[in-house]
Amino acid sequence: MCEANAYILENGKENLYLENVDVIKPEEGKIFLRNLFGEQKVFEGEIKEVSLLRHKIVLQKK
């Protein structure tokens, strides 16, 4: 499987935001995420880091 978990970086800690993410679409200052189960979330901020080997996406507020 190639999906990843998305985390929000807050106060130096990574907090789980959405598991099993398979679609990420950055558009106009927002990040649209959808996971394998069809759950969708919109995050207002930016992508700080993506690690394909660790299956991890780190997001942060602007």
C-alpha atoms as a PDB file:
ATOM      1  CA  MET A   1       0.000   0.000   0.000  1.00  0.00           C
ATOM      2  CA  CYS A   2       1.174   3.522  -0.757  1.00  0.00           C
ATOM      3  CA  GLU A   3      -1.135   5.616   1.371  1.00  0.00           C
ATOM      4  CA  ALA A   4       0.193   7.877   4.111  1.00  0.00           C
ATOM      5  CA  ASN A   5      -1.000   9.467   7.333  1.00  0.00           C
ATOM      6  CA  ALA A   6      -1.346  13.258   7.511  1.00  0.00           C
ATOM      7  CA  TYR A   7      -0.228  15.163  10.602  1.00  0.00           C
ATOM      8  CA  ILE A   8      -0.530  18.808  11.630  1.00  0.00           C
ATOM      9  CA  LEU A   9       2.570  20.373  13.148  1.00  0.00           C
ATOM     10  CA  GLU A  10       1.513  22.424  16.194  1.00  0.00           C
ATOM     11  CA  ASN A  11       3.829  23.690  18.937  1.00  0.00           C
ATOM     12  CA  GLY A  12       6.587  21.337  17.769  1.00  0.00           C
ATOM     13  CA  LYS A  13       4.317  18.268  17.943  1.00  0.00           C
ATOM     14  CA  GLU A  14       2.791  16.279  15.106  1.00  0.00           C
ATOM     15  CA  ASN A  15      -0.900  15.560  15.681  1.00  0.00           C
ATOM     16  CA  LEU A  16      -2.693  13.002  13.521  1.00  0.00           C
ATOM     17  CA  TYR A  17      -5.130  14.675  11.114  1.00  0.00           C
ATOM     18  CA  LEU A  18      -6.188  11.934   8.663  1.00  0.00           C
ATOM     19  CA  GLU A  19      -5.153   8.308   8.210  1.00  0.00           C
ATOM     20  CA  ASN A  20      -4.693   6.363   4.962  1.00  0.00           C
ATOM     21  CA  VAL A  21      -4.515   9.439   2.718  1.00  0.00           C
ATOM     22  CA  ASP A  22      -4.346   8.588  -0.962  1.00  0.00           C
ATOM     23  CA  VAL A  23      -5.173  11.975  -2.579  1.00  0.00           C
ATOM     24  CA  ILE A  24      -3.657  15.401  -1.808  1.00  0.00           C
ATOM     25  CA  LYS A  25      -4.592  18.511  -3.807  1.00  0.00           C
ATOM     26  CA  PRO A  26      -3.089  21.874  -2.820  1.00  0.00           C
ATOM     27  CA  GLU A  27      -5.257  24.744  -4.124  1.00  0.00           C
ATOM     28  CA  GLU A  28      -5.284  28.434  -3.194  1.00  0.00           C
ATOM     29  CA  GLY A  29      -3.821  28.115   0.299  1.00  0.00           C
ATOM     30  CA  LYS A  30      -5.838  25.019   1.181  1.00  0.00           C
ATOM     31  CA  ILE A  31      -4.968  21.340   1.110  1.00  0.00           C
ATOM     32  CA  PHE A  32      -7.703  18.898   0.086  1.00  0.00           C
ATOM     33  CA  LEU A  33      -7.158  15.371   1.434  1.00  0.00           C
ATOM     34  CA  ARG A  34      -9.104  12.166   0.826  1.00  0.00           C
ATOM     35  CA  ASN A  35      -8.409   8.755   2.296  1.00  0.00           C
ATOM     36  CA  LEU A  36      -9.069   5.193   1.121  1.00  0.00           C
ATOM     37  CA  PHE A  37     -12.457   5.156   2.835  1.00  0.00           C
ATOM     38  CA  GLY A  38     -13.736   8.306   1.090  1.00  0.00           C
ATOM     39  CA  GLU A  39     -13.344  10.590   4.112  1.00  0.00           C
ATOM     40  CA  GLN A  40     -12.375  14.092   2.999  1.00  0.00           C
ATOM     41  CA  LYS A  41     -10.867  17.013   4.881  1.00  0.00           C
ATOM     42  CA  VAL A  42      -9.719  20.499   3.933  1.00  0.00           C
ATOM     43  CA  PHE A  43      -6.768  22.047   5.756  1.00  0.00           C
ATOM     44  CA  GLU A  44      -5.967  25.754   5.531  1.00  0.00           C
ATOM     45  CA  GLY A  45      -2.199  25.919   5.376  1.00  0.00           C
ATOM     46  CA  GLU A  46       0.677  24.349   3.540  1.00  0.00           C
ATOM     47  CA  ILE A  47       2.584  21.121   3.141  1.00  0.00           C
ATOM     48  CA  LYS A  48       5.728  21.216   5.278  1.00  0.00           C
ATOM     49  CA  GLU A  49       7.070  17.760   4.453  1.00  0.00           C
ATOM     50  CA  VAL A  50       6.196  14.552   2.608  1.00  0.00           C
ATOM     51  CA  SER A  51       8.128  11.378   3.367  1.00  0.00           C
ATOM     52  CA  LEU A  52       7.270   8.574   0.978  1.00  0.00           C
ATOM     53  CA  LEU A  53       9.420   6.034   2.795  1.00  0.00           C
ATOM     54  CA  ARG A  54       7.764   6.765   6.150  1.00  0.00           C
ATOM     55  CA  HIS A  55       4.281   7.189   4.574  1.00  0.00           C
ATOM     56  CA  LYS A  56       3.932  10.553   6.281  1.00  0.00           C
ATOM     57  CA  ILE A  57       2.576  13.988   5.335  1.00  0.00           C
ATOM     58  CA  VAL A  58       3.218  16.956   7.620  1.00  0.00           C
ATOM     59  CA  LEU A  59       1.004  20.033   7.299  1.00  0.00           C
ATOM     60  CA  GLN A  60       1.349  23.405   9.006  1.00  0.00           C
ATOM     61  CA  LYS A  61      -0.747  26.522   9.335  1.00  0.00           C
ATOM     62  CA  LYS A  62       0.507  29.651   7.619  1.00  0.00           C
END
